[in-house]
Amino acid sequence: PALRWKLANLETFQRRRLRDFTAQADALDAALAETQP
């Protein structure tokens, strides 16, 4: 059960990190778009 919990925890963490990465990428993309002439 402990291993299964850890695995589920890892999957959730990975998904959350992916969402954070996507949000950062979007913010960076928007910032770059603003600096383009």
PDB file of N, CA and C in Angstrom:
ATOM      1  N   PRO A   1       0.829  -1.214   0.000  1.00  0.00           N
ATOM      2  CA  PRO A   1       0.000   0.000   0.000  1.00  0.00           C
ATOM      3  C   PRO A   1       0.864   1.266   0.000  1.00  0.00           C
ATOM      4  N   ALA A   2       1.971   1.242   0.735  1.00  0.00           N
ATOM      5  CA  ALA A   2       2.843   2.413   0.808  1.00  0.00           C
ATOM      6  C   ALA A   2       3.435   2.731  -0.566  1.00  0.00           C
ATOM      7  N   LEU A   3       3.834   1.674  -1.275  1.00  0.00           N
ATOM      8  CA  LEU A   3       4.404   1.881  -2.604  1.00  0.00           C
ATOM      9  C   LEU A   3       3.371   2.454  -3.562  1.00  0.00           C
ATOM     10  N   ARG A   4       2.150   1.938  -3.460  1.00  0.00           N
ATOM     11  CA  ARG A   4       1.087   2.419  -4.337  1.00  0.00           C
ATOM     12  C   ARG A   4       0.807   3.893  -4.053  1.00  0.00           C
ATOM     13  N   TRP A   5       0.832   4.256  -2.753  1.00  0.00           N
ATOM     14  CA  TRP A   5       0.596   5.647  -2.379  1.00  0.00           C
ATOM     15  C   TRP A   5       1.697   6.538  -2.941  1.00  0.00           C
ATOM     16  N   LYS A   6       2.943   6.075  -2.839  1.00  0.00           N
ATOM     17  CA  LYS A   6       4.075   6.849  -3.340  1.00  0.00           C
ATOM     18  C   LYS A   6       3.976   7.038  -4.849  1.00  0.00           C
ATOM     19  N   LEU A   7       3.565   5.991  -5.537  1.00  0.00           N
ATOM     20  CA  LEU A   7       3.425   6.058  -6.986  1.00  0.00           C
ATOM     21  C   LEU A   7       2.340   7.064  -7.374  1.00  0.00           C
ATOM     22  N   ALA A   8       1.217   7.011  -6.663  1.00  0.00           N
ATOM     23  CA  ALA A   8       0.134   7.947  -6.939  1.00  0.00           C
ATOM     24  C   ALA A   8       0.586   9.374  -6.647  1.00  0.00           C
ATOM     25  N   ASN A   9       1.364   9.526  -5.583  1.00  0.00           N
ATOM     26  CA  ASN A   9       1.884  10.833  -5.205  1.00  0.00           C
ATOM     27  C   ASN A   9       2.798  11.380  -6.301  1.00  0.00           C
ATOM     28  N   LEU A  10       3.655  10.518  -6.823  1.00  0.00           N
ATOM     29  CA  LEU A  10       4.572  10.910  -7.888  1.00  0.00           C
ATOM     30  C   LEU A  10       3.809  11.354  -9.132  1.00  0.00           C
ATOM     31  N   GLU A  11       2.776  10.604  -9.493  1.00  0.00           N
ATOM     32  CA  GLU A  11       1.991  10.950 -10.676  1.00  0.00           C
ATOM     33  C   GLU A  11       1.325  12.303 -10.509  1.00  0.00           C
ATOM     34  N   THR A  12       0.767  12.543  -9.318  1.00  0.00           N
ATOM     35  CA  THR A  12       0.113  13.821  -9.051  1.00  0.00           C
ATOM     36  C   THR A  12       1.128  14.951  -9.116  1.00  0.00           C
ATOM     37  N   PHE A  13       2.291  14.736  -8.515  1.00  0.00           N
ATOM     38  CA  PHE A  13       3.338  15.751  -8.504  1.00  0.00           C
ATOM     39  C   PHE A  13       3.794  16.066  -9.925  1.00  0.00           C
ATOM     40  N   GLN A  14       3.959  15.002 -10.726  1.00  0.00           N
ATOM     41  CA  GLN A  14       4.396  15.169 -12.106  1.00  0.00           C
ATOM     42  C   GLN A  14       3.379  15.985 -12.895  1.00  0.00           C
ATOM     43  N   ARG A  15       2.100  15.676 -12.688  1.00  0.00           N
ATOM     44  CA  ARG A  15       1.050  16.401 -13.398  1.00  0.00           C
ATOM     45  C   ARG A  15       1.052  17.868 -12.985  1.00  0.00           C
ATOM     46  N   ARG A  16       1.232  18.115 -11.680  1.00  0.00           N
ATOM     47  CA  ARG A  16       1.237  19.486 -11.182  1.00  0.00           C
ATOM     48  C   ARG A  16       2.428  20.250 -11.752  1.00  0.00           C
ATOM     49  N   ARG A  17       3.587  19.578 -11.798  1.00  0.00           N
ATOM     50  CA  ARG A  17       4.789  20.213 -12.348  1.00  0.00           C
ATOM     51  C   ARG A  17       4.573  20.556 -13.821  1.00  0.00           C
ATOM     52  N   LEU A  18       3.920  19.640 -14.542  1.00  0.00           N
ATOM     53  CA  LEU A  18       3.663  19.865 -15.960  1.00  0.00           C
ATOM     54  C   LEU A  18       2.784  21.093 -16.149  1.00  0.00           C
ATOM     55  N   ARG A  19       1.780  21.238 -15.271  1.00  0.00           N
ATOM     56  CA  ARG A  19       0.885  22.386 -15.360  1.00  0.00           C
ATOM     57  C   ARG A  19       1.653  23.672 -15.056  1.00  0.00           C
ATOM     58  N   ASP A  20       2.535  23.616 -14.042  1.00  0.00           N
ATOM     59  CA  ASP A  20       3.351  24.781 -13.701  1.00  0.00           C
ATOM     60  C   ASP A  20       4.263  25.144 -14.865  1.00  0.00           C
ATOM     61  N   PHE A  21       4.849  24.128 -15.490  1.00  0.00           N
ATOM     62  CA  PHE A  21       5.741  24.363 -16.618  1.00  0.00           C
ATOM     63  C   PHE A  21       4.985  25.009 -17.778  1.00  0.00           C
ATOM     64  N   THR A  22       3.774  24.513 -18.036  1.00  0.00           N
ATOM     65  CA  THR A  22       2.967  25.067 -19.119  1.00  0.00           C
ATOM     66  C   THR A  22       2.614  26.515 -18.835  1.00  0.00           C
ATOM     67  N   ALA A  23       2.264  26.811 -17.586  1.00  0.00           N
ATOM     68  CA  ALA A  23       1.920  28.180 -17.207  1.00  0.00           C
ATOM     69  C   ALA A  23       3.127  29.093 -17.379  1.00  0.00           C
ATOM     70  N   GLN A  24       4.299  28.630 -16.981  1.00  0.00           N
ATOM     71  CA  GLN A  24       5.518  29.428 -17.123  1.00  0.00           C
ATOM     72  C   GLN A  24       5.845  29.636 -18.595  1.00  0.00           C
ATOM     73  N   ALA A  25       5.667  28.602 -19.398  1.00  0.00           N
ATOM     74  CA  ALA A  25       5.943  28.708 -20.826  1.00  0.00           C
ATOM     75  C   ALA A  25       4.993  29.715 -21.471  1.00  0.00           C
ATOM     76  N   ASP A  26       3.728  29.695 -21.070  1.00  0.00           N
ATOM     77  CA  ASP A  26       2.752  30.647 -21.603  1.00  0.00           C
ATOM     78  C   ASP A  26       3.121  32.067 -21.208  1.00  0.00           C
ATOM     79  N   ALA A  27       3.530  32.258 -19.961  1.00  0.00           N
ATOM     80  CA  ALA A  27       3.900  33.587 -19.481  1.00  0.00           C
ATOM     81  C   ALA A  27       5.133  34.087 -20.231  1.00  0.00           C
ATOM     82  N   LEU A  28       6.096  33.208 -20.443  1.00  0.00           N
ATOM     83  CA  LEU A  28       7.303  33.577 -21.170  1.00  0.00           C
ATOM     84  C   LEU A  28       6.961  33.926 -22.616  1.00  0.00           C
ATOM     85  N   ASP A  29       6.079  33.147 -23.211  1.00  0.00           N
ATOM     86  CA  ASP A  29       5.651  33.387 -24.581  1.00  0.00           C
ATOM     87  C   ASP A  29       4.985  34.755 -24.698  1.00  0.00           C
ATOM     88  N   ALA A  30       4.146  35.091 -23.730  1.00  0.00           N
ATOM     89  CA  ALA A  30       3.462  36.383 -23.732  1.00  0.00           C
ATOM     90  C   ALA A  30       4.467  37.516 -23.558  1.00  0.00           C
ATOM     91  N   ALA A  31       5.435  37.329 -22.678  1.00  0.00           N
ATOM     92  CA  ALA A  31       6.448  38.355 -22.443  1.00  0.00           C
ATOM     93  C   ALA A  31       7.286  38.571 -23.701  1.00  0.00           C
ATOM     94  N   LEU A  32       7.625  37.485 -24.375  1.00  0.00           N
ATOM     95  CA  LEU A  32       8.402  37.601 -25.608  1.00  0.00           C
ATOM     96  C   LEU A  32       7.589  38.293 -26.694  1.00  0.00           C
ATOM     97  N   ALA A  33       6.314  38.000 -26.761  1.00  0.00           N
ATOM     98  CA  ALA A  33       5.448  38.617 -27.765  1.00  0.00           C
ATOM     99  C   ALA A  33       5.370  40.123 -27.552  1.00  0.00           C
ATOM    100  N   GLU A  34       5.398  40.548 -26.287  1.00  0.00           N
ATOM    101  CA  GLU A  34       5.323  41.981 -25.984  1.00  0.00           C
ATOM    102  C   GLU A  34       6.589  42.707 -26.412  1.00  0.00           C
ATOM    103  N   THR A  35       7.733  42.017 -26.351  1.00  0.00           N
ATOM    104  CA  THR A  35       8.996  42.678 -26.677  1.00  0.00           C
ATOM    105  C   THR A  35       9.266  42.673 -28.176  1.00  0.00           C
ATOM    106  N   GLN A  36       8.529  41.878 -28.919  1.00  0.00           N
ATOM    107  CA  GLN A  36       8.710  41.850 -30.370  1.00  0.00           C
ATOM    108  C   GLN A  36       8.136  43.120 -30.986  1.00  0.00           C
ATOM    109  N   PRO A  37       8.817  43.698 -31.971  1.00  0.00           N
ATOM    110  CA  PRO A  37       8.317  44.909 -32.630  1.00  0.00           C
ATOM    111  C   PRO A  37       7.092  44.628 -33.491  1.00  0.00           C
TER     112      PRO A  37
END
